């Protein structure tokens, strides 16, 4: 784990298992690392990426969490990414054109431990080239992607995800919601 943290702290990128699919991640406050991920994925810079947090406190440090958001997180049977307005302290390179950010409060132990030790939110984007199929297991990730990141985590390489991604719901401070992905 310490090796992974050093890579992330030095602006590196990792392949890692999330609570949904395999992801490419980096320190969500490091602009150079964020740009590396856009380059690796061959992704347009105007497409935002989501971030993962491990605690309610870290979530609340980044955004004002409407009451409806807590209800959605409590009731959701699968991982859910909520898109919030007006995040605090995050680079503009991570944000959508309207200034919003998708954040998922993770429940799986590996991601929780990783984010706690890094002590920063973690970028999470599918471990594939933009537009390709999302990897449900490590062996689904192309060799080219594996070669482009700085480190591939050993954890859960044989595990097949039961989710092809999280639900994505946009939420406003007045508790209006819009389902972007079921």
C-alpha atoms as a PDB file:
ATOM      1  CA  UNK A   1       0.000   0.000   0.000  1.00  0.00           C
ATOM      2  CA  UNK A   2       2.821   2.460   0.857  1.00  0.00           C
ATOM      3  CA  UNK A   3       4.259   2.036  -2.640  1.00  0.00           C
ATOM      4  CA  UNK A   4       0.895   2.981  -4.194  1.00  0.00           C
ATOM      5  CA  UNK A   5       0.613   6.043  -1.938  1.00  0.00           C
ATOM      6  CA  UNK A   6       4.122   7.209  -2.940  1.00  0.00           C
ATOM      7  CA  UNK A   7       3.237   6.843  -6.628  1.00  0.00           C
ATOM      8  CA  UNK A   8       0.034   8.860  -6.139  1.00  0.00           C
ATOM      9  CA  UNK A   9       1.763  11.547  -4.051  1.00  0.00           C
ATOM     10  CA  UNK A  10       4.439  11.963  -6.723  1.00  0.00           C
ATOM     11  CA  UNK A  11       1.836  12.607  -9.442  1.00  0.00           C
ATOM     12  CA  UNK A  12       1.605   9.043 -10.728  1.00  0.00           C
ATOM     13  CA  UNK A  13      -1.349   7.132 -12.118  1.00  0.00           C
ATOM     14  CA  UNK A  14      -2.631   3.717 -11.040  1.00  0.00           C
ATOM     15  CA  UNK A  15      -4.948   0.964 -12.221  1.00  0.00           C
ATOM     16  CA  UNK A  16      -7.086  -0.183  -9.325  1.00  0.00           C
ATOM     17  CA  UNK A  17     -10.271  -2.079  -8.473  1.00  0.00           C
ATOM     18  CA  UNK A  18     -13.146   0.145  -7.374  1.00  0.00           C
ATOM     19  CA  UNK A  19     -16.565  -0.684  -5.959  1.00  0.00           C
ATOM     20  CA  UNK A  20     -17.698  -1.028  -9.586  1.00  0.00           C
ATOM     21  CA  UNK A  21     -15.228  -1.576 -12.470  1.00  0.00           C
ATOM     22  CA  UNK A  22     -11.432  -1.276 -12.719  1.00  0.00           C
ATOM     23  CA  UNK A  23     -10.373   2.334 -12.784  1.00  0.00           C
ATOM     24  CA  UNK A  24      -7.492   4.601 -13.630  1.00  0.00           C
ATOM     25  CA  UNK A  25      -6.810   6.869 -10.689  1.00  0.00           C
ATOM     26  CA  UNK A  26      -4.647   9.662  -9.397  1.00  0.00           C
ATOM     27  CA  UNK A  27      -4.582  12.298  -6.679  1.00  0.00           C
ATOM     28  CA  UNK A  28      -7.643  14.425  -7.478  1.00  0.00           C
ATOM     29  CA  UNK A  29      -5.785  17.606  -6.466  1.00  0.00           C
ATOM     30  CA  UNK A  30      -2.809  17.094  -8.804  1.00  0.00           C
ATOM     31  CA  UNK A  31      -3.425  18.833 -12.151  1.00  0.00           C
ATOM     32  CA  UNK A  32      -0.469  17.159 -13.925  1.00  0.00           C
ATOM     33  CA  UNK A  33      -1.680  13.704 -12.866  1.00  0.00           C
ATOM     34  CA  UNK A  34      -5.234  14.524 -13.986  1.00  0.00           C
ATOM     35  CA  UNK A  35      -3.920  15.608 -17.397  1.00  0.00           C
ATOM     36  CA  UNK A  36      -1.911  12.363 -17.639  1.00  0.00           C
ATOM     37  CA  UNK A  37      -5.160  10.407 -17.277  1.00  0.00           C
ATOM     38  CA  UNK A  38      -6.829  12.431 -20.048  1.00  0.00           C
ATOM     39  CA  UNK A  39      -3.819  11.591 -22.264  1.00  0.00           C
ATOM     40  CA  UNK A  40      -3.815   7.885 -21.325  1.00  0.00           C
ATOM     41  CA  UNK A  41      -7.523   7.535 -22.111  1.00  0.00           C
ATOM     42  CA  UNK A  42      -7.334   9.730 -25.233  1.00  0.00           C
ATOM     43  CA  UNK A  43     -10.244  11.553 -23.656  1.00  0.00           C
ATOM     44  CA  UNK A  44     -11.442  15.031 -24.546  1.00  0.00           C
ATOM     45  CA  UNK A  45     -10.549  17.511 -21.794  1.00  0.00           C
ATOM     46  CA  UNK A  46     -14.117  18.867 -21.701  1.00  0.00           C
ATOM     47  CA  UNK A  47     -15.389  15.479 -20.427  1.00  0.00           C
ATOM     48  CA  UNK A  48     -15.251  15.488 -16.647  1.00  0.00           C
ATOM     49  CA  UNK A  49     -14.061  12.615 -14.471  1.00  0.00           C
ATOM     50  CA  UNK A  50     -15.489  11.524 -11.145  1.00  0.00           C
ATOM     51  CA  UNK A  51     -13.735  11.335  -7.814  1.00  0.00           C
ATOM     52  CA  UNK A  52     -14.013   8.892  -4.941  1.00  0.00           C
ATOM     53  CA  UNK A  53     -14.090   9.777  -1.251  1.00  0.00           C
ATOM     54  CA  UNK A  54     -14.040   7.439   1.729  1.00  0.00           C
ATOM     55  CA  UNK A  55     -15.886   9.388   4.429  1.00  0.00           C
ATOM     56  CA  UNK A  56     -18.900  11.609   4.821  1.00  0.00           C
ATOM     57  CA  UNK A  57     -16.581  14.262   6.262  1.00  0.00           C
ATOM     58  CA  UNK A  58     -14.378  14.367   3.148  1.00  0.00           C
ATOM     59  CA  UNK A  59     -17.510  14.583   0.999  1.00  0.00           C
ATOM     60  CA  UNK A  60     -18.773  17.499   3.089  1.00  0.00           C
ATOM     61  CA  UNK A  61     -15.370  19.213   2.867  1.00  0.00           C
ATOM     62  CA  UNK A  62     -15.738  19.250  -0.925  1.00  0.00           C
ATOM     63  CA  UNK A  63     -19.424  20.030  -1.483  1.00  0.00           C
ATOM     64  CA  UNK A  64     -22.597  21.102   0.268  1.00  0.00           C
ATOM     65  CA  UNK A  65     -24.548  17.856   0.478  1.00  0.00           C
ATOM     66  CA  UNK A  66     -28.323  18.324   0.093  1.00  0.00           C
ATOM     67  CA  UNK A  67     -30.573  16.190   2.305  1.00  0.00           C
ATOM     68  CA  UNK A  68     -31.805  14.309  -0.768  1.00  0.00           C
ATOM     69  CA  UNK A  69     -28.220  13.137  -1.476  1.00  0.00           C
ATOM     70  CA  UNK A  70     -28.017  11.326   1.872  1.00  0.00           C
ATOM     71  CA  UNK A  71     -31.351   9.628   1.173  1.00  0.00           C
ATOM     72  CA  UNK A  72     -30.219   8.496  -2.287  1.00  0.00           C
ATOM     73  CA  UNK A  73     -26.944   7.095  -0.897  1.00  0.00           C
ATOM     74  CA  UNK A  74     -28.788   5.277   1.913  1.00  0.00           C
ATOM     75  CA  UNK A  75     -31.423   3.769  -0.381  1.00  0.00           C
ATOM     76  CA  UNK A  76     -29.281   2.875  -3.393  1.00  0.00           C
ATOM     77  CA  UNK A  77     -28.664  -0.846  -3.787  1.00  0.00           C
ATOM     78  CA  UNK A  78     -25.717  -0.308  -6.127  1.00  0.00           C
ATOM     79  CA  UNK A  79     -22.859   2.205  -6.022  1.00  0.00           C
ATOM     80  CA  UNK A  80     -24.125   5.696  -6.826  1.00  0.00           C
ATOM     81  CA  UNK A  81     -22.191   8.716  -8.040  1.00  0.00           C
ATOM     82  CA  UNK A  82     -23.845  12.021  -7.267  1.00  0.00           C
ATOM     83  CA  UNK A  83     -23.101  15.114  -9.326  1.00  0.00           C
ATOM     84  CA  UNK A  84     -22.858  18.193  -7.107  1.00  0.00           C
ATOM     85  CA  UNK A  85     -22.761  21.908  -7.860  1.00  0.00           C
ATOM     86  CA  UNK A  86     -20.042  24.313  -6.659  1.00  0.00           C
ATOM     87  CA  UNK A  87     -17.317  22.002  -5.339  1.00  0.00           C
ATOM     88  CA  UNK A  88     -14.612  23.504  -3.125  1.00  0.00           C
ATOM     89  CA  UNK A  89     -10.864  23.065  -3.538  1.00  0.00           C
ATOM     90  CA  UNK A  90     -10.818  20.915  -6.671  1.00  0.00           C
ATOM     91  CA  UNK A  91      -8.934  21.767  -9.879  1.00  0.00           C
ATOM     92  CA  UNK A  92     -11.070  23.081 -12.734  1.00  0.00           C
ATOM     93  CA  UNK A  93      -9.591  20.318 -14.922  1.00  0.00           C
ATOM     94  CA  UNK A  94     -11.788  17.822 -13.050  1.00  0.00           C
ATOM     95  CA  UNK A  95     -15.024  19.771 -13.317  1.00  0.00           C
ATOM     96  CA  UNK A  96     -17.756  19.564 -15.926  1.00  0.00           C
ATOM     97  CA  UNK A  97     -18.376  22.595 -18.130  1.00  0.00           C
ATOM     98  CA  UNK A  98     -21.113  23.756 -15.719  1.00  0.00           C
ATOM     99  CA  UNK A  99     -18.646  23.599 -12.801  1.00  0.00           C
ATOM    100  CA  UNK A 100     -20.146  20.446 -11.259  1.00  0.00           C
ATOM    101  CA  UNK A 101     -18.335  17.296 -10.095  1.00  0.00           C
ATOM    102  CA  UNK A 102     -19.360  13.659  -9.754  1.00  0.00           C
ATOM    103  CA  UNK A 103     -18.420  12.175  -6.371  1.00  0.00           C
ATOM    104  CA  UNK A 104     -18.949   8.653  -5.054  1.00  0.00           C
ATOM    105  CA  UNK A 105     -18.693   7.785  -1.382  1.00  0.00           C
ATOM    106  CA  UNK A 106     -17.108   4.329  -1.663  1.00  0.00           C
ATOM    107  CA  UNK A 107     -18.039   1.384   0.489  1.00  0.00           C
ATOM    108  CA  UNK A 108     -15.346  -1.130  -0.473  1.00  0.00           C
ATOM    109  CA  UNK A 109     -12.462  -1.600   1.942  1.00  0.00           C
ATOM    110  CA  UNK A 110      -9.574  -1.340  -0.514  1.00  0.00           C
ATOM    111  CA  UNK A 111     -10.657   2.071  -1.877  1.00  0.00           C
ATOM    112  CA  UNK A 112     -11.445   3.344   1.616  1.00  0.00           C
ATOM    113  CA  UNK A 113      -7.988   2.377   2.876  1.00  0.00           C
ATOM    114  CA  UNK A 114      -6.278   3.840  -0.216  1.00  0.00           C
ATOM    115  CA  UNK A 115      -8.073   7.197   0.018  1.00  0.00           C
ATOM    116  CA  UNK A 116      -7.579   7.395   3.802  1.00  0.00           C
ATOM    117  CA  UNK A 117      -3.826   6.834   3.441  1.00  0.00           C
ATOM    118  CA  UNK A 118      -3.542   9.291   0.525  1.00  0.00           C
ATOM    119  CA  UNK A 119      -5.673  11.717   2.555  1.00  0.00           C
ATOM    120  CA  UNK A 120      -7.097  13.225  -0.639  1.00  0.00           C
ATOM    121  CA  UNK A 121      -9.920  12.334  -2.997  1.00  0.00           C
ATOM    122  CA  UNK A 122      -9.030   9.921  -5.791  1.00  0.00           C
ATOM    123  CA  UNK A 123      -9.855  10.326  -9.482  1.00  0.00           C
ATOM    124  CA  UNK A 124     -11.760   7.364 -10.857  1.00  0.00           C
ATOM    125  CA  UNK A 125     -12.365   6.800 -14.538  1.00  0.00           C
ATOM    126  CA  UNK A 126     -12.842   3.517 -16.347  1.00  0.00           C
ATOM    127  CA  UNK A 127      -9.604   1.707 -17.232  1.00  0.00           C
ATOM    128  CA  UNK A 128     -10.123   1.847 -20.985  1.00  0.00           C
ATOM    129  CA  UNK A 129      -9.713   4.161 -23.942  1.00  0.00           C
ATOM    130  CA  UNK A 130     -12.517   6.684 -24.218  1.00  0.00           C
ATOM    131  CA  UNK A 131     -15.527   5.011 -25.834  1.00  0.00           C
ATOM    132  CA  UNK A 132     -14.341   1.405 -25.296  1.00  0.00           C
ATOM    133  CA  UNK A 133     -16.076  -1.192 -23.097  1.00  0.00           C
ATOM    134  CA  UNK A 134     -15.501  -0.809 -19.339  1.00  0.00           C
ATOM    135  CA  UNK A 135     -13.370  -3.550 -17.699  1.00  0.00           C
ATOM    136  CA  UNK A 136     -15.303  -5.721 -15.236  1.00  0.00           C
ATOM    137  CA  UNK A 137     -12.094  -7.586 -14.327  1.00  0.00           C
ATOM    138  CA  UNK A 138      -8.370  -6.916 -14.614  1.00  0.00           C
ATOM    139  CA  UNK A 139      -7.939  -9.218 -17.637  1.00  0.00           C
ATOM    140  CA  UNK A 140     -10.402  -7.012 -19.585  1.00  0.00           C
ATOM    141  CA  UNK A 141      -7.916  -4.096 -19.487  1.00  0.00           C
ATOM    142  CA  UNK A 142      -5.872  -3.626 -22.656  1.00  0.00           C
ATOM    143  CA  UNK A 143      -2.106  -4.168 -22.415  1.00  0.00           C
ATOM    144  CA  UNK A 144      -1.631  -0.687 -23.848  1.00  0.00           C
ATOM    145  CA  UNK A 145      -3.512   0.896 -20.919  1.00  0.00           C
ATOM    146  CA  UNK A 146      -1.562  -1.234 -18.418  1.00  0.00           C
ATOM    147  CA  UNK A 147       1.715  -0.053 -19.995  1.00  0.00           C
ATOM    148  CA  UNK A 148       0.661   3.617 -19.874  1.00  0.00           C
ATOM    149  CA  UNK A 149      -0.103   3.850 -16.137  1.00  0.00           C
ATOM    150  CA  UNK A 150       2.621   4.029 -13.496  1.00  0.00           C
ATOM    151  CA  UNK A 151       1.372   1.089 -11.421  1.00  0.00           C
ATOM    152  CA  UNK A 152      -1.250  -1.682 -11.561  1.00  0.00           C
ATOM    153  CA  UNK A 153      -2.596  -2.743  -8.166  1.00  0.00           C
ATOM    154  CA  UNK A 154      -2.423  -6.491  -7.389  1.00  0.00           C
ATOM    155  CA  UNK A 155      -5.623  -6.493  -5.285  1.00  0.00           C
ATOM    156  CA  UNK A 156      -8.738  -8.302  -6.637  1.00  0.00           C
ATOM    157  CA  UNK A 157      -7.320  -9.070 -10.098  1.00  0.00           C
ATOM    158  CA  UNK A 158      -9.418 -12.249 -10.412  1.00  0.00           C
ATOM    159  CA  UNK A 159     -12.632 -10.707  -9.108  1.00  0.00           C
ATOM    160  CA  UNK A 160     -15.379  -9.903 -11.614  1.00  0.00           C
ATOM    161  CA  UNK A 161     -17.426  -6.819 -10.796  1.00  0.00           C
ATOM    162  CA  UNK A 162     -21.163  -7.270 -10.411  1.00  0.00           C
ATOM    163  CA  UNK A 163     -21.642  -3.672 -11.620  1.00  0.00           C
ATOM    164  CA  UNK A 164     -20.731  -2.277 -15.035  1.00  0.00           C
ATOM    165  CA  UNK A 165     -20.595   1.176 -13.467  1.00  0.00           C
ATOM    166  CA  UNK A 166     -22.342   3.258 -10.869  1.00  0.00           C
ATOM    167  CA  UNK A 167     -25.652   4.996 -11.177  1.00  0.00           C
ATOM    168  CA  UNK A 168     -25.073   8.695 -11.834  1.00  0.00           C
ATOM    169  CA  UNK A 169     -27.550  11.222 -10.462  1.00  0.00           C
ATOM    170  CA  UNK A 170     -27.254  14.999 -10.672  1.00  0.00           C
ATOM    171  CA  UNK A 171     -28.516  16.788  -7.596  1.00  0.00           C
ATOM    172  CA  UNK A 172     -29.178  20.448  -6.921  1.00  0.00           C
ATOM    173  CA  UNK A 173     -29.185  22.285  -3.583  1.00  0.00           C
ATOM    174  CA  UNK A 174     -33.001  22.568  -3.754  1.00  0.00           C
ATOM    175  CA  UNK A 175     -33.154  18.708  -3.849  1.00  0.00           C
ATOM    176  CA  UNK A 176     -34.097  18.481  -7.544  1.00  0.00           C
ATOM    177  CA  UNK A 177     -32.529  15.425  -9.146  1.00  0.00           C
ATOM    178  CA  UNK A 178     -31.876  14.123 -12.657  1.00  0.00           C
ATOM    179  CA  UNK A 179     -30.814  10.534 -13.380  1.00  0.00           C
ATOM    180  CA  UNK A 180     -27.906  10.667 -15.853  1.00  0.00           C
ATOM    181  CA  UNK A 181     -27.153   6.907 -15.818  1.00  0.00           C
ATOM    182  CA  UNK A 182     -29.171   4.132 -14.159  1.00  0.00           C
END
